[in-house]
Amino acid sequence: MLGTTKVRPFESSRLYKNITGTPDYYFTHSFRMLSRSNIGITPCLYGDEFIASYEVSNIAGVQFHPELSQTNGLNLLKNFIELF
């Protein structure tokens, strides 16, 4: 995967606080994360559905490059700094 792809944040996500709709983020690889655990996930669909980001307690991770994702990426980084 190379380029921007839309993600579907879950409603109570801290990473995506005040980021509305289905924002797009910049991906540059074909790796994907899958999990059966009860973690707060934000799915992405690119061929198959996979986890674009997750949040558990004070831990968060993303599969995309927020620093290359324009305004959506800057807002996500701001939320990460302020809320985690």
C-alpha atoms as a PDB file:
ATOM      1  CA  MET A   1       0.000   0.000   0.000  1.00  0.00           C
ATOM      2  CA  LEU A   2       1.325   3.400  -0.899  1.00  0.00           C
ATOM      3  CA  GLY A   3      -0.619   6.605  -0.528  1.00  0.00           C
ATOM      4  CA  THR A   4      -3.539   7.881   1.477  1.00  0.00           C
ATOM      5  CA  THR A   5      -6.272   5.594   2.734  1.00  0.00           C
ATOM      6  CA  LYS A   6      -9.336   6.354   4.837  1.00  0.00           C
ATOM      7  CA  VAL A   7      -9.696   4.969   8.368  1.00  0.00           C
ATOM      8  CA  ARG A   8     -12.814   4.541  10.527  1.00  0.00           C
ATOM      9  CA  PRO A   9     -12.086   5.747  14.087  1.00  0.00           C
ATOM     10  CA  PHE A  10     -14.237   4.407  16.899  1.00  0.00           C
ATOM     11  CA  GLU A  11     -16.441   6.977  18.625  1.00  0.00           C
ATOM     12  CA  SER A  12     -14.584   7.301  21.956  1.00  0.00           C
ATOM     13  CA  SER A  13     -11.087   7.353  20.440  1.00  0.00           C
ATOM     14  CA  ARG A  14      -8.653   9.778  22.065  1.00  0.00           C
ATOM     15  CA  LEU A  15      -6.250   9.666  19.097  1.00  0.00           C
ATOM     16  CA  TYR A  16      -8.962  10.925  16.755  1.00  0.00           C
ATOM     17  CA  LYS A  17     -10.605  13.398  19.139  1.00  0.00           C
ATOM     18  CA  ASN A  18     -12.086  16.300  17.121  1.00  0.00           C
ATOM     19  CA  ILE A  19     -11.129  14.588  13.840  1.00  0.00           C
ATOM     20  CA  THR A  20     -14.425  13.994  12.069  1.00  0.00           C
ATOM     21  CA  GLY A  21     -15.677  11.584   9.435  1.00  0.00           C
ATOM     22  CA  THR A  22     -13.341   9.057   7.850  1.00  0.00           C
ATOM     23  CA  PRO A  23      -9.985  10.838   7.754  1.00  0.00           C
ATOM     24  CA  ASP A  24      -7.250   9.702   5.415  1.00  0.00           C
ATOM     25  CA  TYR A  25      -3.653   8.956   6.387  1.00  0.00           C
ATOM     26  CA  TYR A  26      -0.501   8.173   4.444  1.00  0.00           C
ATOM     27  CA  PHE A  27       0.638   4.529   4.335  1.00  0.00           C
ATOM     28  CA  THR A  28       3.933   3.400   2.776  1.00  0.00           C
ATOM     29  CA  HIS A  29       4.071  -0.353   3.317  1.00  0.00           C
ATOM     30  CA  SER A  30       2.105  -3.573   3.009  1.00  0.00           C
ATOM     31  CA  PHE A  31       2.360  -4.712   6.630  1.00  0.00           C
ATOM     32  CA  ARG A  32      -0.850  -5.094   8.567  1.00  0.00           C
ATOM     33  CA  MET A  33      -1.831  -5.741  12.156  1.00  0.00           C
ATOM     34  CA  LEU A  34      -4.549  -8.193  13.118  1.00  0.00           C
ATOM     35  CA  SER A  35      -5.820  -8.899  16.640  1.00  0.00           C
ATOM     36  CA  ARG A  36      -8.497 -10.898  18.368  1.00  0.00           C
ATOM     37  CA  SER A  37      -7.900  -9.056  21.646  1.00  0.00           C
ATOM     38  CA  ASN A  38     -10.294  -6.474  23.028  1.00  0.00           C
ATOM     39  CA  ILE A  39      -8.313  -3.384  22.102  1.00  0.00           C
ATOM     40  CA  GLY A  40      -9.664  -0.065  20.845  1.00  0.00           C
ATOM     41  CA  ILE A  41      -9.062  -0.347  17.132  1.00  0.00           C
ATOM     42  CA  THR A  42      -9.549   1.865  14.121  1.00  0.00           C
ATOM     43  CA  PRO A  43     -10.011  -0.290  11.031  1.00  0.00           C
ATOM     44  CA  CYS A  44      -8.905   0.456   7.504  1.00  0.00           C
ATOM     45  CA  LEU A  45      -9.967  -1.244   4.296  1.00  0.00           C
ATOM     46  CA  TYR A  46      -7.379  -1.774   1.609  1.00  0.00           C
ATOM     47  CA  GLY A  47      -8.158  -5.054  -0.088  1.00  0.00           C
ATOM     48  CA  ASP A  48      -8.777  -6.671   3.314  1.00  0.00           C
ATOM     49  CA  GLU A  49      -9.744  -4.951   6.542  1.00  0.00           C
ATOM     50  CA  PHE A  50      -6.893  -4.477   9.015  1.00  0.00           C
ATOM     51  CA  ILE A  51      -6.045  -2.394  12.071  1.00  0.00           C
ATOM     52  CA  ALA A  52      -4.793   1.090  11.174  1.00  0.00           C
ATOM     53  CA  SER A  53      -4.382   2.150  14.827  1.00  0.00           C
ATOM     54  CA  TYR A  54      -5.130   0.976  18.323  1.00  0.00           C
ATOM     55  CA  GLU A  55      -5.461   2.348  21.860  1.00  0.00           C
ATOM     56  CA  VAL A  56      -5.182   0.481  25.146  1.00  0.00           C
ATOM     57  CA  SER A  57      -4.966   2.474  28.383  1.00  0.00           C
ATOM     58  CA  ASN A  58      -1.958   4.780  27.899  1.00  0.00           C
ATOM     59  CA  ILE A  59      -0.602   2.913  24.853  1.00  0.00           C
ATOM     60  CA  ALA A  60      -1.377   3.842  21.259  1.00  0.00           C
ATOM     61  CA  GLY A  61       0.063   2.805  17.926  1.00  0.00           C
ATOM     62  CA  VAL A  62      -0.543   3.556  14.265  1.00  0.00           C
ATOM     63  CA  GLN A  63       0.311   1.723  11.031  1.00  0.00           C
ATOM     64  CA  PHE A  64       0.491   4.909   8.961  1.00  0.00           C
ATOM     65  CA  HIS A  65       2.754   7.961   8.912  1.00  0.00           C
ATOM     66  CA  PRO A  66       1.014  10.839  10.726  1.00  0.00           C
ATOM     67  CA  GLU A  67       3.941  13.159   9.919  1.00  0.00           C
ATOM     68  CA  LEU A  68       3.186  12.694   6.201  1.00  0.00           C
ATOM     69  CA  SER A  69      -0.597  12.924   6.560  1.00  0.00           C
ATOM     70  CA  GLN A  70      -1.150  16.681   6.322  1.00  0.00           C
ATOM     71  CA  THR A  71      -3.688  18.284   8.684  1.00  0.00           C
ATOM     72  CA  ASN A  72      -5.170  14.957   9.828  1.00  0.00           C
ATOM     73  CA  GLY A  73      -1.724  13.776  10.877  1.00  0.00           C
ATOM     74  CA  LEU A  74      -0.919  16.989  12.734  1.00  0.00           C
ATOM     75  CA  ASN A  75      -4.233  16.786  14.625  1.00  0.00           C
ATOM     76  CA  LEU A  76      -3.579  13.156  15.534  1.00  0.00           C
ATOM     77  CA  LEU A  77      -0.063  13.972  16.803  1.00  0.00           C
ATOM     78  CA  LYS A  78      -1.481  16.845  18.862  1.00  0.00           C
ATOM     79  CA  ASN A  79      -4.016  14.480  20.441  1.00  0.00           C
ATOM     80  CA  PHE A  80      -1.289  11.936  21.173  1.00  0.00           C
ATOM     81  CA  ILE A  81       0.884  14.531  22.929  1.00  0.00           C
ATOM     82  CA  GLU A  82      -1.981  16.018  24.924  1.00  0.00           C
ATOM     83  CA  LEU A  83      -4.031  12.901  25.753  1.00  0.00           C
ATOM     84  CA  PHE A  84      -1.538  10.055  26.229  1.00  0.00           C
END
